[in-house]
Amino acid sequence: VQLQACGGGLVQPGGSLRLSCTASRSILSINVMAWYRQVPGKQRELVGTITSGGTTNYADSVKGRSAISSDNAKNTVYLQMNSLKPSDTAVYYCYAYLRSTGQAYWGQGTLVTVSS
């Protein structure tokens, strides 16, 4: 599975951003897709997940400010982030897991910078 993430950029505190992750196969065949983020020098942390059935879960740090959704026709998963804080600055990565093969896949990162 190849994952193409995009949508990062520079945004002011309090602003919003939507990241996209497009998969090379039907996302209905992917058991779990997720967004992670990483700040240089720190461990990659989970932002949120969405299952093929549409169930979502979020890290406490973004809960209430973020939403993960999917467009099955476009094989794309989105991460909508609102009320952005400087602490949200990170490289955001898309992730996919296929239970049938036990394989996990990562997309390239997209940088989100929250700064005035």
Protein backbone atom coordinates (compact mmCIF):
# COMPACT_ATOMS: atom_id res chain seq x y z
CA VAL A 1 0.00 0.00 0.00
CA GLN A 2 1.34 3.41 -0.92
CA LEU A 3 0.15 6.42 1.01
CA GLN A 4 0.39 10.00 -0.22
CA ALA A 5 -0.08 12.66 2.41
CA CYS A 6 -0.47 16.35 1.73
CA GLY A 7 -2.01 19.51 3.10
CA GLY A 8 0.60 20.69 5.56
CA GLY A 9 1.73 24.25 5.80
CA LEU A 10 2.05 27.31 7.97
CA VAL A 11 -0.99 28.34 9.96
CA GLN A 12 -1.54 30.88 12.71
CA PRO A 13 -2.52 29.81 16.21
CA GLY A 14 -6.25 29.29 16.37
CA GLY A 15 -6.41 28.45 12.70
CA SER A 16 -7.47 25.31 10.90
CA LEU A 17 -5.90 22.88 8.48
CA ARG A 18 -6.99 19.75 6.68
CA LEU A 19 -4.53 17.01 5.83
CA SER A 20 -5.25 14.37 3.21
CA CYS A 21 -3.91 10.87 2.82
CA THR A 22 -4.63 9.02 -0.40
CA ALA A 23 -4.06 5.28 -0.56
CA SER A 24 -3.09 3.24 -3.61
CA ARG A 25 -5.91 0.77 -2.92
CA SER A 26 -9.43 0.86 -1.63
CA ILE A 27 -9.44 2.10 1.93
CA LEU A 28 -12.35 -0.24 2.60
CA SER A 29 -9.77 -3.03 2.39
CA ILE A 30 -7.55 -1.34 4.98
CA ASN A 31 -8.49 -2.29 8.51
CA VAL A 32 -7.10 0.77 10.24
CA MET A 33 -5.78 4.07 8.99
CA ALA A 34 -4.23 6.59 11.30
CA TRP A 35 -2.45 9.87 11.63
CA TYR A 36 0.72 10.18 13.66
CA ARG A 37 2.92 13.18 14.29
CA GLN A 38 6.50 13.66 15.25
CA VAL A 39 8.56 16.54 16.54
CA PRO A 40 12.32 16.31 15.96
CA GLY A 41 13.95 14.63 18.92
CA LYS A 42 10.72 13.13 20.18
CA GLN A 43 8.88 9.89 19.61
CA ARG A 44 6.21 9.65 16.99
CA GLU A 45 2.82 9.94 18.65
CA LEU A 46 -0.61 8.82 17.59
CA VAL A 47 -3.05 11.57 16.68
CA GLY A 48 -6.06 9.47 15.78
CA THR A 49 -7.38 6.44 13.97
CA ILE A 50 -10.24 5.44 11.72
CA THR A 51 -11.31 1.90 10.99
CA SER A 52 -12.72 0.58 7.74
CA GLY A 53 -16.07 0.70 9.47
CA GLY A 54 -15.69 4.39 10.19
CA THR A 55 -14.98 4.24 13.91
CA THR A 56 -12.65 6.99 15.05
CA ASN A 57 -10.49 7.52 18.10
CA TYR A 58 -8.32 10.45 19.07
CA ALA A 59 -5.44 11.27 21.32
CA ASP A 60 -6.39 13.38 24.31
CA SER A 61 -4.14 16.15 23.02
CA VAL A 62 -6.33 16.70 19.94
CA LYS A 63 -9.71 15.43 21.10
CA GLY A 64 -12.43 17.98 20.49
CA ARG A 65 -10.26 19.92 18.05
CA SER A 66 -9.71 17.32 15.36
CA ALA A 67 -11.75 15.03 13.20
CA ILE A 68 -10.76 12.14 10.97
CA SER A 69 -13.01 11.30 8.07
CA SER A 70 -12.82 9.25 4.91
CA ASP A 71 -13.95 9.39 1.31
CA ASN A 72 -14.09 5.83 0.09
CA ALA A 73 -14.60 6.85 -3.53
CA LYS A 74 -11.34 8.79 -3.44
CA ASN A 75 -9.47 6.28 -1.25
CA THR A 76 -8.65 9.22 0.96
CA VAL A 77 -8.62 9.84 4.66
CA TYR A 78 -8.64 13.36 6.09
CA LEU A 79 -7.48 14.93 9.29
CA GLN A 80 -9.26 18.18 10.04
CA MET A 81 -7.54 20.16 12.75
CA ASN A 82 -9.06 23.24 14.34
CA SER A 83 -8.00 25.65 17.05
CA LEU A 84 -4.42 24.85 16.25
CA LYS A 85 -1.74 25.50 18.83
CA PRO A 86 2.01 25.94 18.47
CA SER A 87 2.31 22.56 20.22
CA ASP A 88 0.61 20.99 17.20
CA THR A 89 3.67 21.84 15.12
CA ALA A 90 5.07 18.56 13.82
CA VAL A 91 5.53 16.37 10.80
CA TYR A 92 2.30 14.46 10.31
CA TYR A 93 2.37 10.93 8.94
CA CYS A 94 -0.33 8.76 7.48
CA TYR A 95 -0.42 5.08 8.50
CA ALA A 96 -2.29 2.03 7.28
CA TYR A 97 -2.60 -1.46 8.74
CA LEU A 98 -3.80 -4.56 6.97
CA ARG A 99 -4.84 -7.30 9.37
CA SER A 100 -4.82 -9.91 6.58
CA THR A 101 -1.09 -9.55 6.09
CA GLY A 102 -0.06 -8.06 9.39
CA GLN A 103 1.68 -5.33 7.44
CA ALA A 104 1.83 -1.68 8.36
CA TYR A 105 2.55 1.10 5.90
CA TRP A 106 3.65 4.69 6.29
CA GLY A 107 3.26 7.65 4.02
CA GLN A 108 5.77 10.43 3.73
CA GLY A 109 5.33 13.18 6.25
CA THR A 110 3.75 16.54 5.75
CA LEU A 111 4.92 19.42 7.88
CA VAL A 112 2.46 21.47 9.89
CA THR A 113 3.81 24.63 11.46
CA VAL A 114 1.63 26.64 13.82
CA SER A 115 3.15 30.03 14.37
CA SER A 116 2.30 33.69 14.29
